[in-house]
Amino acid sequence: MWKLLLWLYLINGTLLINHEMDSAYWHEWKLFKLPGKMTGFLLLHFPLFFLILAGAVWVSHQSIAGLVVSGMLSIGGIFAFSIHTYFIKRGHPEFNALVSQGILIATLFVSSGQAIVTFVLFLQTFCNDSIFHKY
């Protein structure tokens, strides 16, 4: 199941990084009223991208840190879909391009699957119930 989590993590990380590239195109800092404009937006992404990449290493090592970051990434993906859907429904033109919406929808599905696998592995790690060790 750890191999499945690693692949879901890598796919989701790739989708979210591409979403953030798309966010730069749409000037997301304006949508969220972030300070620092483009410079602040770019600086914010250094630690975020580092955490995504480090999380892949931690998941590949089957560590608790990997499960924690995997959970954070999957929640982040579900949040990204949800908040942008909210803004689109409120009439904001950002992220209306087909590719933008495709990335967000794919992120929702992959994030949901990743969250389930992360939760099962979390239970396997912290619960000694044999039902979880059959998989």
Protein backbone atom coordinates (compact mmCIF):
# COMPACT_ATOMS: atom_id res chain seq x y z
CA MET A 1 0.00 0.00 0.00
CA TRP A 2 2.99 2.32 0.53
CA LYS A 3 3.87 2.05 -3.18
CA LEU A 4 0.34 3.09 -4.07
CA LEU A 5 0.61 6.04 -1.69
CA LEU A 6 3.92 7.08 -3.22
CA TRP A 7 2.44 7.12 -6.74
CA LEU A 8 -0.67 8.99 -5.60
CA TYR A 9 1.56 11.46 -3.75
CA LEU A 10 3.75 12.04 -6.83
CA ILE A 11 0.74 12.49 -9.12
CA ASN A 12 -0.96 14.85 -6.67
CA GLY A 13 2.23 16.83 -6.07
CA THR A 14 2.64 17.22 -9.82
CA LEU A 15 -0.97 18.36 -10.21
CA LEU A 16 -0.67 20.87 -7.37
CA ILE A 17 2.64 22.28 -8.62
CA ASN A 18 1.06 22.70 -12.06
CA HIS A 19 -1.96 24.33 -10.43
CA GLU A 20 0.39 26.79 -8.71
CA MET A 21 2.00 27.57 -12.07
CA ASP A 22 -1.50 28.21 -13.39
CA SER A 23 -2.15 30.35 -10.30
CA ALA A 24 0.73 32.62 -11.27
CA TYR A 25 -0.86 33.09 -14.69
CA TRP A 26 -4.17 34.04 -13.07
CA HIS A 27 -2.50 36.37 -10.51
CA GLU A 28 -3.83 34.37 -7.59
CA TRP A 29 -2.24 36.77 -5.11
CA LYS A 30 -4.92 39.28 -6.15
CA LEU A 31 -7.73 36.75 -5.68
CA PHE A 32 -6.59 35.95 -2.12
CA LYS A 33 -5.33 39.49 -1.44
CA LEU A 34 -1.87 38.19 -0.52
CA PRO A 35 0.76 40.73 0.50
CA GLY A 36 3.85 41.21 -1.62
CA LYS A 37 2.12 40.73 -4.96
CA MET A 38 4.03 38.44 -7.35
CA THR A 39 7.25 38.55 -5.32
CA GLY A 40 5.47 37.47 -2.13
CA PHE A 41 3.60 34.79 -4.07
CA LEU A 42 6.83 33.37 -5.48
CA LEU A 43 8.67 33.50 -2.15
CA LEU A 44 5.78 31.69 -0.47
CA HIS A 45 6.22 28.80 -2.90
CA PHE A 46 9.85 28.01 -2.03
CA PRO A 47 8.96 26.32 1.28
CA LEU A 48 5.76 24.84 -0.18
CA PHE A 49 7.55 23.16 -3.07
CA PHE A 50 10.36 22.02 -0.79
CA LEU A 51 7.81 20.42 1.53
CA ILE A 52 6.12 18.65 -1.40
CA LEU A 53 9.46 17.27 -2.59
CA ALA A 54 10.66 16.33 0.89
CA GLY A 55 7.32 14.64 1.55
CA ALA A 56 7.87 12.37 -1.44
CA VAL A 57 11.17 11.25 0.10
CA TRP A 58 9.51 10.68 3.48
CA VAL A 59 6.68 8.67 1.89
CA SER A 60 9.23 6.57 -0.01
CA HIS A 61 10.91 5.84 3.36
CA GLN A 62 7.51 4.85 4.80
CA SER A 63 7.89 7.30 7.67
CA ILE A 64 5.40 8.98 9.96
CA ALA A 65 6.50 12.32 8.52
CA GLY A 66 5.53 10.98 5.10
CA LEU A 67 2.04 10.17 6.33
CA VAL A 68 1.68 13.60 7.91
CA VAL A 69 2.79 15.47 4.79
CA SER A 70 0.71 13.16 2.60
CA GLY A 71 -2.34 14.04 4.68
CA MET A 72 -1.52 17.74 4.39
CA LEU A 73 -1.04 17.48 0.62
CA SER A 74 -4.32 15.63 0.10
CA ILE A 75 -6.22 18.13 2.28
CA GLY A 76 -4.51 20.95 0.37
CA GLY A 77 -5.67 19.47 -2.94
CA ILE A 78 -9.26 19.12 -1.76
CA PHE A 79 -9.12 22.69 -0.42
CA ALA A 80 -7.70 24.01 -3.73
CA PHE A 81 -10.58 22.45 -5.65
CA SER A 82 -13.16 23.69 -3.14
CA ILE A 83 -12.00 27.30 -2.83
CA HIS A 84 -11.55 27.77 -6.58
CA THR A 85 -14.96 26.23 -7.27
CA TYR A 86 -16.40 28.70 -4.75
CA PHE A 87 -14.71 31.64 -6.51
CA ILE A 88 -15.81 30.44 -9.96
CA LYS A 89 -19.43 30.14 -8.77
CA ARG A 90 -19.20 33.68 -7.36
CA GLY A 91 -18.36 34.95 -10.86
CA HIS A 92 -14.57 35.26 -10.73
CA PRO A 93 -13.07 34.69 -14.19
CA GLU A 94 -9.89 33.07 -12.86
CA PHE A 95 -9.39 29.34 -13.47
CA ASN A 96 -12.18 29.14 -16.06
CA ALA A 97 -9.86 27.73 -18.72
CA LEU A 98 -10.48 24.08 -19.56
CA VAL A 99 -6.96 23.06 -18.53
CA SER A 100 -7.29 24.97 -15.22
CA GLN A 101 -10.54 23.20 -14.40
CA GLY A 102 -9.15 19.85 -15.54
CA ILE A 103 -6.20 20.22 -13.15
CA LEU A 104 -8.53 21.13 -10.28
CA ILE A 105 -10.91 18.21 -10.95
CA ALA A 106 -8.04 15.74 -11.28
CA THR A 107 -6.58 17.14 -8.06
CA LEU A 108 -9.87 16.52 -6.24
CA PHE A 109 -10.01 12.87 -7.32
CA VAL A 110 -6.34 12.11 -6.69
CA SER A 111 -6.37 13.99 -3.36
CA SER A 112 -9.42 12.04 -2.23
CA GLY A 113 -7.80 8.71 -3.08
CA GLN A 114 -4.55 9.78 -1.46
CA ALA A 115 -6.39 10.83 1.70
CA ILE A 116 -8.04 7.41 1.96
CA VAL A 117 -4.78 5.51 1.45
CA THR A 118 -2.98 7.81 3.90
CA PHE A 119 -5.69 7.24 6.51
CA VAL A 120 -5.55 3.44 6.08
CA LEU A 121 -1.76 3.45 6.43
CA PHE A 122 -2.05 5.71 9.45
CA LEU A 123 -4.44 3.20 11.05
CA GLN A 124 -2.14 0.31 10.15
CA THR A 125 0.77 2.13 11.72
CA PHE A 126 -0.96 3.10 14.96
CA CYS A 127 -3.54 0.34 15.44
CA ASN A 128 -2.62 -3.26 16.17
CA ASP A 129 -5.99 -4.58 14.99
CA SER A 130 -5.26 -7.42 12.58
CA ILE A 131 -8.06 -6.33 10.21
CA PHE A 132 -5.81 -3.52 8.94
CA HIS A 133 -2.80 -5.79 8.41
CA LYS A 134 -4.57 -8.04 5.91
CA TYR A 135 -4.05 -5.50 3.14
